[in-house]
């Protein structure tokens, strides 16, 4: 595993009064027609923002939003986010026209009364994705302290994540990243037993590094979602038109053997909710065994699989869930995913949900508030769990022992 938070300072380690604090946040929220459809990432950032304001900091906040091609892509403007933040904080959030705006300095010279500066979408400047030092130095010219609280972006070596802290002396993390790393480290550092990993989603290939990291730590795997059909096919079970990664059949077969050789549990679906094509809700059929007809495809786990998975998860003391059990966005194929969320919600143990689709599934199930922790970083949390070093964290560690103390 990585070094966790070793050597990295937090926002608590700095005197903030009267200082300009640049907060790199992950406010990359989904928008529809200019309206925010899920503000989880905004609310997750509030504790760090409020702390900085209470300590008397002058605040410049920044985030990317979507994948704009250029600054002309106004549908990716931070304006709805700035407006919502202003409402939640009861502050005036002043949106700058561009990420590298010189106007920030003029604002900072004047007394800021109940005001926060928000930079326009960082990706409106091509120097952000290119990790340009020039852009980082522009931000550094008015910043006293750099704080990264954008866990979901910390696996990318972009200017606001990597080049900027590289040129800053005073740098650290906010409360969100601190919590994320502590929670994810808890999945490896003496987790309470029994420990079950629930893996789903589309592809086995996406989960191989996580399986490899967890195989000697967990007591068992529950595998659902489309990735389960590669495992079933590897056992010569007919899976019809269900998604299969043919180039991963050999790996799946070996993985089953390795799990069994270690005396660990492996639960795969034994029945399925099937239909003729992806959007077809007219021809839904529940298979009563694990064999799927040639003209059908599985889009959710069946009722017996739900019972089996539930019985296993009820006894677990630690559960890590990454990936839905089916196409949960469609109510016809959501039962398996929501059943996993429900049994986790009722389990008194440690329950950690990976980011991305799993976080969305937990929210959609209505049980999100019962989880111990839902990661805000899809790709970042997976990469961290795989033992990969995140550029946004590594750049905050002191290079030499002499840098540990200011």
Protein backbone atom coordinates (compact mmCIF):
# COMPACT_ATOMS: atom_id res chain seq x y z
CA UNK A 1 0.00 0.00 0.00
CA UNK A 2 0.97 3.64 -0.28
CA UNK A 3 2.22 5.74 2.61
CA UNK A 4 -1.25 7.08 3.31
CA UNK A 5 -0.94 10.58 4.73
CA UNK A 6 2.68 10.25 5.93
CA UNK A 7 4.41 13.64 5.87
CA UNK A 8 1.39 15.45 4.41
CA UNK A 9 0.09 18.49 6.29
CA UNK A 10 -3.58 19.25 6.74
CA UNK A 11 -5.36 22.59 6.74
CA UNK A 12 -5.23 22.46 10.58
CA UNK A 13 -1.43 22.83 10.48
CA UNK A 14 -1.53 26.39 9.13
CA UNK A 15 -2.33 29.79 10.59
CA UNK A 16 -5.07 30.94 8.21
CA UNK A 17 -6.10 34.35 9.59
CA UNK A 18 -5.61 37.04 6.94
CA UNK A 19 -3.97 34.58 4.56
CA UNK A 20 -5.06 33.85 1.00
CA UNK A 21 -5.91 30.16 0.83
CA UNK A 22 -6.32 28.52 -2.56
CA UNK A 23 -8.70 25.58 -2.19
CA UNK A 24 -8.62 23.06 -5.05
CA UNK A 25 -11.98 21.33 -4.72
CA UNK A 26 -13.83 18.68 -6.69
CA UNK A 27 -17.04 20.48 -7.63
CA UNK A 28 -17.46 18.49 -10.83
CA UNK A 29 -21.21 18.01 -10.40
CA UNK A 30 -23.65 16.67 -13.00
CA UNK A 31 -25.66 19.37 -14.77
CA UNK A 32 -28.82 19.19 -16.87
CA UNK A 33 -29.93 22.35 -18.67
CA UNK A 34 -27.75 24.40 -16.35
CA UNK A 35 -29.27 22.85 -13.20
CA UNK A 36 -27.27 20.75 -10.70
CA UNK A 37 -28.78 17.26 -10.50
CA UNK A 38 -26.59 15.94 -7.65
CA UNK A 39 -24.80 18.24 -5.23
CA UNK A 40 -23.00 15.53 -3.20
CA UNK A 41 -19.57 16.88 -4.16
CA UNK A 42 -20.52 20.41 -3.15
CA UNK A 43 -21.77 19.37 0.29
CA UNK A 44 -18.68 17.14 0.75
CA UNK A 45 -16.48 20.24 0.30
CA UNK A 46 -18.34 22.43 2.82
CA UNK A 47 -16.49 21.38 6.04
CA UNK A 48 -13.12 22.51 4.63
CA UNK A 49 -14.57 25.74 3.19
CA UNK A 50 -16.32 26.60 6.47
CA UNK A 51 -13.21 25.86 8.52
CA UNK A 52 -11.08 28.21 6.37
CA UNK A 53 -13.68 30.97 6.63
CA UNK A 54 -14.06 30.56 10.41
CA UNK A 55 -10.29 30.86 10.78
CA UNK A 56 -10.33 34.17 8.89
CA UNK A 57 -8.85 33.10 5.55
CA UNK A 58 -9.36 34.91 2.27
CA UNK A 59 -10.63 32.16 0.06
CA UNK A 60 -10.04 31.38 -3.60
CA UNK A 61 -11.79 28.17 -4.62
CA UNK A 62 -11.26 26.33 -7.88
CA UNK A 63 -12.47 23.19 -9.64
CA UNK A 64 -12.87 21.67 -13.06
CA UNK A 65 -16.33 20.88 -14.42
CA UNK A 66 -16.85 18.33 -17.17
CA UNK A 67 -14.58 18.16 -20.21
CA UNK A 68 -14.88 21.44 -22.10
CA UNK A 69 -13.08 21.67 -25.45
CA UNK A 70 -12.34 25.37 -24.84
CA UNK A 71 -13.40 28.39 -22.79
CA UNK A 72 -16.20 28.89 -25.33
CA UNK A 73 -18.03 25.81 -23.95
CA UNK A 74 -20.20 27.92 -21.68
CA UNK A 75 -22.40 24.97 -20.69
CA UNK A 76 -19.43 23.98 -18.50
CA UNK A 77 -19.31 27.31 -16.67
CA UNK A 78 -18.94 27.18 -12.89
CA UNK A 79 -21.78 29.70 -12.57
CA UNK A 80 -24.47 27.28 -11.26
CA UNK A 81 -21.94 25.86 -8.76
CA UNK A 82 -20.90 29.33 -7.56
CA UNK A 83 -24.56 30.30 -7.14
CA UNK A 84 -25.35 27.16 -5.13
CA UNK A 85 -22.28 27.58 -2.94
CA UNK A 86 -23.33 31.15 -2.19
CA UNK A 87 -26.76 29.91 -1.08
CA UNK A 88 -25.34 27.15 1.13
CA UNK A 89 -22.73 29.38 2.79
CA UNK A 90 -24.68 32.64 2.85
CA UNK A 91 -21.66 34.30 1.20
CA UNK A 92 -21.27 36.22 -2.03
CA UNK A 93 -19.33 33.92 -4.36
CA UNK A 94 -17.59 36.07 -6.96
CA UNK A 95 -17.02 34.13 -10.19
CA UNK A 96 -13.94 35.16 -12.16
CA UNK A 97 -14.19 35.23 -15.95
CA UNK A 98 -11.25 32.92 -16.52
CA UNK A 99 -9.08 30.56 -14.41
CA UNK A 100 -5.94 32.71 -14.80
CA UNK A 101 -7.74 36.01 -14.18
CA UNK A 102 -5.65 38.95 -12.92
CA UNK A 103 -8.82 40.30 -11.33
CA UNK A 104 -8.28 37.99 -8.36
CA UNK A 105 -5.45 40.20 -7.08
CA UNK A 106 -7.62 43.34 -7.13
CA UNK A 107 -10.25 41.56 -5.06
CA UNK A 108 -7.70 40.30 -2.56
CA UNK A 109 -6.26 43.80 -1.97
CA UNK A 110 -9.65 45.05 -0.78
CA UNK A 111 -11.27 43.87 2.48
CA UNK A 112 -13.40 40.84 1.63
CA UNK A 113 -16.64 41.04 3.57
CA UNK A 114 -18.61 37.81 3.28
CA UNK A 115 -17.08 37.15 -0.12
CA UNK A 116 -15.35 34.16 -1.67
CA UNK A 117 -13.60 34.13 -5.03
CA UNK A 118 -14.40 31.23 -7.34
CA UNK A 119 -12.29 30.73 -10.44
CA UNK A 120 -14.01 29.84 -13.68
CA UNK A 121 -13.72 26.19 -14.83
CA UNK A 122 -10.01 25.31 -14.57
CA UNK A 123 -10.18 23.37 -17.83
CA UNK A 124 -11.11 26.58 -19.69
CA UNK A 125 -7.34 27.16 -19.62
CA UNK A 126 -5.44 24.54 -21.62
CA UNK A 127 -2.50 24.91 -19.22
CA UNK A 128 -4.53 23.02 -16.58
CA UNK A 129 -4.63 19.65 -18.34
CA UNK A 130 -1.09 20.23 -19.68
CA UNK A 131 0.20 20.72 -16.10
CA UNK A 132 1.80 24.04 -17.08
CA UNK A 133 4.11 25.71 -14.53
CA UNK A 134 3.28 29.16 -15.96
CA UNK A 135 -0.36 28.77 -14.92
CA UNK A 136 0.70 27.45 -11.51
CA UNK A 137 2.93 30.51 -10.99
CA UNK A 138 0.05 32.82 -11.88
CA UNK A 139 -1.99 31.26 -9.04
CA UNK A 140 1.01 31.21 -6.71
CA UNK A 141 1.52 34.96 -7.21
CA UNK A 142 -1.49 35.66 -4.95
CA UNK A 143 -1.64 32.50 -2.80
CA UNK A 144 -0.19 32.06 0.70
CA UNK A 145 -1.38 28.50 1.34
CA UNK A 146 -2.42 25.79 -1.12
CA UNK A 147 -4.94 23.18 0.04
CA UNK A 148 -6.02 20.22 -2.09
CA UNK A 149 -9.38 18.76 -1.15
CA UNK A 150 -10.23 17.34 -4.59
CA UNK A 151 -9.77 13.62 -4.00
CA UNK A 152 -11.66 12.76 -7.19
CA UNK A 153 -9.07 14.65 -9.28
CA UNK A 154 -5.92 13.72 -7.35
CA UNK A 155 -4.99 10.89 -9.71
CA UNK A 156 -4.45 13.42 -12.51
CA UNK A 157 -1.19 15.38 -12.89
CA UNK A 158 -2.91 18.64 -13.84
CA UNK A 159 -1.64 22.14 -13.04
CA UNK A 160 -3.99 22.78 -10.09
CA UNK A 161 -3.20 19.33 -8.65
CA UNK A 162 0.51 18.94 -9.39
CA UNK A 163 2.39 21.92 -10.90
CA UNK A 164 0.84 24.42 -8.46
CA UNK A 165 1.71 22.68 -5.16
CA UNK A 166 5.16 21.99 -6.62
CA UNK A 167 5.90 25.76 -6.57
CA UNK A 168 4.25 26.37 -3.17
CA UNK A 169 6.02 26.11 0.17
CA UNK A 170 2.89 25.96 2.32
CA UNK A 171 0.65 23.17 1.09
CA UNK A 172 -1.58 20.47 2.47
CA UNK A 173 -4.94 18.71 2.26
CA UNK A 174 -8.47 19.43 3.45
CA UNK A 175 -10.81 17.33 5.56
CA UNK A 176 -12.34 15.42 2.63
CA UNK A 177 -9.07 13.95 1.36
CA UNK A 178 -8.00 13.23 4.93
CA UNK A 179 -11.18 11.23 5.53
CA UNK A 180 -10.98 9.46 2.16
CA UNK A 181 -7.44 8.20 2.74
CA UNK A 182 -8.08 7.14 6.34
CA UNK A 183 -11.21 5.22 5.29
CA UNK A 184 -9.56 3.52 2.31
CA UNK A 185 -6.49 2.65 4.40
CA UNK A 186 -8.89 0.99 6.86
CA UNK A 187 -9.69 -1.59 4.18
CA UNK A 188 -6.10 -2.85 4.40
CA UNK A 189 -4.96 -2.01 7.92
CA UNK A 190 -6.27 -4.77 10.24
CA UNK A 191 -9.89 -4.76 8.98
CA UNK A 192 -12.43 -6.54 11.19
CA UNK A 193 -13.33 -10.03 10.03
CA UNK A 194 -15.27 -11.41 8.23
CA UNK A 195 -14.34 -9.01 5.43
CA UNK A 196 -16.27 -9.27 2.16
CA UNK A 197 -15.56 -7.38 -1.06
CA UNK A 198 -18.56 -6.88 -3.35
CA UNK A 199 -17.46 -6.24 -6.92
CA UNK A 200 -19.69 -5.43 -9.87
CA UNK A 201 -19.84 -3.20 -12.91
CA UNK A 202 -19.11 -3.95 -16.53
CA UNK A 203 -15.56 -5.22 -16.82
CA UNK A 204 -13.33 -7.73 -15.05
CA UNK A 205 -10.33 -5.88 -16.50
CA UNK A 206 -11.21 -2.75 -14.49
CA UNK A 207 -11.19 -4.73 -11.25
CA UNK A 208 -8.17 -7.03 -11.69
CA UNK A 209 -5.70 -4.83 -9.75
CA UNK A 210 -8.21 -4.47 -6.87
CA UNK A 211 -8.88 -8.22 -6.78
CA UNK A 212 -5.12 -8.82 -6.67
CA UNK A 213 -4.70 -6.37 -3.77
CA UNK A 214 -7.60 -7.81 -1.80
CA UNK A 215 -7.26 -11.57 -2.40
CA UNK A 216 -5.03 -12.17 0.64
CA UNK A 217 -6.89 -9.70 2.89
CA UNK A 218 -10.59 -10.43 2.42
CA UNK A 219 -12.48 -13.51 3.55
CA UNK A 220 -14.51 -13.62 0.37
CA UNK A 221 -15.69 -12.01 -2.84
CA UNK A 222 -19.21 -11.44 -4.07
CA UNK A 223 -19.18 -10.81 -7.81
CA UNK A 224 -22.20 -9.45 -9.68
CA UNK A 225 -22.85 -7.07 -12.54
CA UNK A 226 -21.75 -7.75 -16.11
CA UNK A 227 -18.29 -8.82 -14.92
CA UNK A 228 -19.88 -11.91 -13.32
CA UNK A 229 -20.63 -13.36 -16.76
CA UNK A 230 -16.96 -13.63 -17.63
CA UNK A 231 -16.52 -15.70 -14.43
CA UNK A 232 -19.56 -17.87 -15.23
CA UNK A 233 -18.48 -18.41 -18.84
CA UNK A 234 -15.03 -19.44 -17.52
CA UNK A 235 -16.86 -22.30 -15.74
CA UNK A 236 -18.53 -23.32 -19.02
CA UNK A 237 -21.93 -21.99 -17.93
CA UNK A 238 -24.10 -20.68 -20.79
CA UNK A 239 -24.49 -16.91 -20.46
CA UNK A 240 -26.41 -16.18 -23.69
CA UNK A 241 -25.77 -12.68 -25.06
CA UNK A 242 -24.52 -11.33 -21.70
CA UNK A 243 -21.40 -9.19 -21.77
CA UNK A 244 -18.24 -11.33 -21.62
CA UNK A 245 -14.60 -10.28 -21.84
CA UNK A 246 -13.29 -13.26 -23.81
CA UNK A 247 -9.67 -12.19 -23.32
CA UNK A 248 -10.18 -12.42 -19.54
CA UNK A 249 -11.70 -15.93 -19.40
CA UNK A 250 -8.36 -17.54 -18.55
CA UNK A 251 -7.76 -14.98 -15.77
CA UNK A 252 -11.27 -15.55 -14.36
CA UNK A 253 -10.78 -19.33 -14.33
CA UNK A 254 -7.44 -18.98 -12.54
CA UNK A 255 -8.91 -16.46 -10.09
CA UNK A 256 -11.69 -18.89 -9.12
CA UNK A 257 -9.07 -21.58 -8.49
CA UNK A 258 -6.86 -19.21 -6.45
CA UNK A 259 -9.78 -18.09 -4.26
CA UNK A 260 -10.84 -21.68 -3.65
CA UNK A 261 -7.23 -22.75 -2.92
CA UNK A 262 -7.12 -20.12 -0.16
CA UNK A 263 -10.34 -21.48 1.36
CA UNK A 264 -12.14 -18.19 0.75
CA UNK A 265 -15.75 -17.57 -0.24
CA UNK A 266 -16.66 -16.75 -3.83
CA UNK A 267 -20.30 -16.01 -4.58
CA UNK A 268 -21.46 -15.61 -8.18
CA UNK A 269 -25.04 -15.18 -9.41
CA UNK A 270 -27.03 -18.42 -9.58
CA UNK A 271 -30.07 -16.88 -11.30
CA UNK A 272 -30.58 -13.80 -13.42
CA UNK A 273 -32.99 -11.16 -14.65
CA UNK A 274 -32.70 -11.49 -18.43
CA UNK A 275 -34.10 -9.81 -21.53
CA UNK A 276 -33.50 -9.81 -25.29
CA UNK A 277 -31.64 -6.49 -25.55
CA UNK A 278 -30.26 -3.71 -23.37
CA UNK A 279 -33.30 -1.41 -23.30
CA UNK A 280 -35.93 -4.14 -23.61
CA UNK A 281 -38.33 -4.32 -20.67
CA UNK A 282 -41.03 -6.20 -22.63
CA UNK A 283 -39.31 -9.61 -22.61
CA UNK A 284 -37.98 -9.76 -19.04
CA UNK A 285 -37.56 -13.28 -17.71
CA UNK A 286 -36.02 -14.61 -14.51
CA UNK A 287 -33.89 -17.70 -15.07
CA UNK A 288 -34.36 -20.33 -12.37
CA UNK A 289 -30.80 -21.58 -12.77
CA UNK A 290 -27.50 -20.15 -13.89
CA UNK A 291 -27.96 -21.11 -17.56
CA UNK A 292 -29.09 -18.23 -19.79
CA UNK A 293 -30.86 -18.83 -23.13
CA UNK A 294 -28.83 -18.04 -26.23
CA UNK A 295 -31.07 -15.14 -27.31
CA UNK A 296 -31.18 -13.53 -23.84
CA UNK A 297 -28.80 -11.32 -21.86
CA UNK A 298 -28.58 -10.82 -18.09
CA UNK A 299 -28.98 -7.27 -16.78
CA UNK A 300 -29.42 -8.00 -13.05
CA UNK A 301 -28.97 -10.78 -10.52
CA UNK A 302 -32.02 -12.92 -9.69
CA UNK A 303 -33.92 -13.42 -6.38
CA UNK A 304 -31.94 -16.50 -5.24
CA UNK A 305 -28.65 -14.67 -5.87
CA UNK A 306 -29.97 -11.76 -3.79
CA UNK A 307 -30.76 -14.19 -0.95
CA UNK A 308 -27.29 -15.76 -1.15
CA UNK A 309 -25.52 -12.39 -1.24
CA UNK A 310 -27.65 -11.06 1.62
CA UNK A 311 -26.92 -14.06 3.86
CA UNK A 312 -23.17 -13.58 3.33
CA UNK A 313 -23.21 -9.80 3.86
CA UNK A 314 -25.32 -9.99 7.03
CA UNK A 315 -22.45 -11.85 8.76
CA UNK A 316 -19.70 -9.49 7.54
CA UNK A 317 -17.93 -7.01 9.84
CA UNK A 318 -16.21 -5.13 6.99
CA UNK A 319 -17.73 -4.62 3.53
CA UNK A 320 -16.16 -2.89 0.55
CA UNK A 321 -18.50 -2.37 -2.39
CA UNK A 322 -17.36 -1.31 -5.84
CA UNK A 323 -19.66 -1.71 -8.82
CA UNK A 324 -23.43 -2.26 -9.25
CA UNK A 325 -25.06 -5.68 -9.60
CA UNK A 326 -26.98 -4.71 -12.74
CA UNK A 327 -28.26 -1.83 -14.85
CA UNK A 328 -29.66 -0.13 -11.75
CA UNK A 329 -30.56 3.08 -13.61
CA UNK A 330 -33.50 1.13 -15.07
CA UNK A 331 -35.98 0.19 -12.30
CA UNK A 332 -36.56 -3.20 -13.97
CA UNK A 333 -32.91 -4.13 -13.33
CA UNK A 334 -32.25 -2.35 -10.01
CA UNK A 335 -33.34 -4.94 -7.45
CA UNK A 336 -29.95 -6.64 -7.06
CA UNK A 337 -28.00 -3.42 -6.62
CA UNK A 338 -30.52 -1.92 -4.20
CA UNK A 339 -30.65 -5.17 -2.19
CA UNK A 340 -26.88 -4.99 -1.67
CA UNK A 341 -27.23 -1.34 -0.58
CA UNK A 342 -30.02 -2.26 1.85
CA UNK A 343 -28.19 -5.15 3.53
CA UNK A 344 -25.09 -2.95 3.87
CA UNK A 345 -27.22 -0.16 5.37
CA UNK A 346 -28.53 -2.53 8.04
CA UNK A 347 -25.12 -4.03 8.83
CA UNK A 348 -23.55 -2.40 11.94
CA UNK A 349 -19.98 -2.96 10.70
CA UNK A 350 -17.62 -0.88 8.53
CA UNK A 351 -19.24 -0.24 5.14
CA UNK A 352 -17.23 1.57 2.47
CA UNK A 353 -18.55 2.31 -1.00
CA UNK A 354 -16.17 3.02 -3.89
CA UNK A 355 -16.85 6.12 -5.95
CA UNK A 356 -18.34 6.47 -9.43
CA UNK A 357 -21.25 4.14 -10.28
CA UNK A 358 -21.24 2.59 -6.79
CA UNK A 359 -21.71 6.00 -5.17
CA UNK A 360 -24.50 6.81 -7.63
CA UNK A 361 -26.12 3.43 -6.89
CA UNK A 362 -25.94 4.01 -3.12
CA UNK A 363 -27.57 7.43 -3.59
CA UNK A 364 -30.28 6.04 -5.89
CA UNK A 365 -31.07 3.25 -3.40
CA UNK A 366 -31.94 5.74 -0.66
CA UNK A 367 -29.46 4.10 1.76
CA UNK A 368 -26.45 6.38 1.21
CA UNK A 369 -26.75 8.00 4.65
CA UNK A 370 -26.38 4.58 6.33
CA UNK A 371 -22.95 3.86 4.85
CA UNK A 372 -19.78 4.47 6.88
CA UNK A 373 -18.19 6.21 3.92
CA UNK A 374 -18.94 6.77 0.24
CA UNK A 375 -15.87 7.75 -1.72
CA UNK A 376 -16.13 10.91 -3.84
CA UNK A 377 -13.43 9.69 -6.21
CA UNK A 378 -14.24 6.95 -8.72
CA UNK A 379 -10.96 6.55 -10.60
CA UNK A 380 -8.92 8.05 -7.76
CA UNK A 381 -10.22 5.64 -5.12
CA UNK A 382 -9.69 2.63 -7.40
CA UNK A 383 -6.14 3.71 -8.24
CA UNK A 384 -5.37 4.33 -4.56
CA UNK A 385 -6.73 0.90 -3.57
CA UNK A 386 -4.61 -0.67 -6.30
CA UNK A 387 -1.55 0.76 -4.55
CA UNK A 388 -0.82 3.34 -7.22
CA UNK A 389 0.63 6.69 -6.18
CA UNK A 390 -1.68 9.66 -6.72
CA UNK A 391 0.19 12.70 -8.14
CA UNK A 392 -1.96 15.08 -6.07
CA UNK A 393 -0.89 13.41 -2.83
CA UNK A 394 2.72 12.61 -3.64
CA UNK A 395 3.53 16.24 -4.50
CA UNK A 396 2.43 17.25 -0.98
CA UNK A 397 4.91 14.96 0.78
CA UNK A 398 8.19 16.59 1.89
CA UNK A 399 11.04 15.68 -0.45
CA UNK A 400 13.67 15.79 2.28
CA UNK A 401 13.51 15.44 6.05
CA UNK A 402 14.48 19.12 6.37
CA UNK A 403 11.19 20.09 4.69
CA UNK A 404 9.04 18.38 7.33
CA UNK A 405 9.21 21.41 9.65
CA UNK A 406 8.54 24.92 8.43
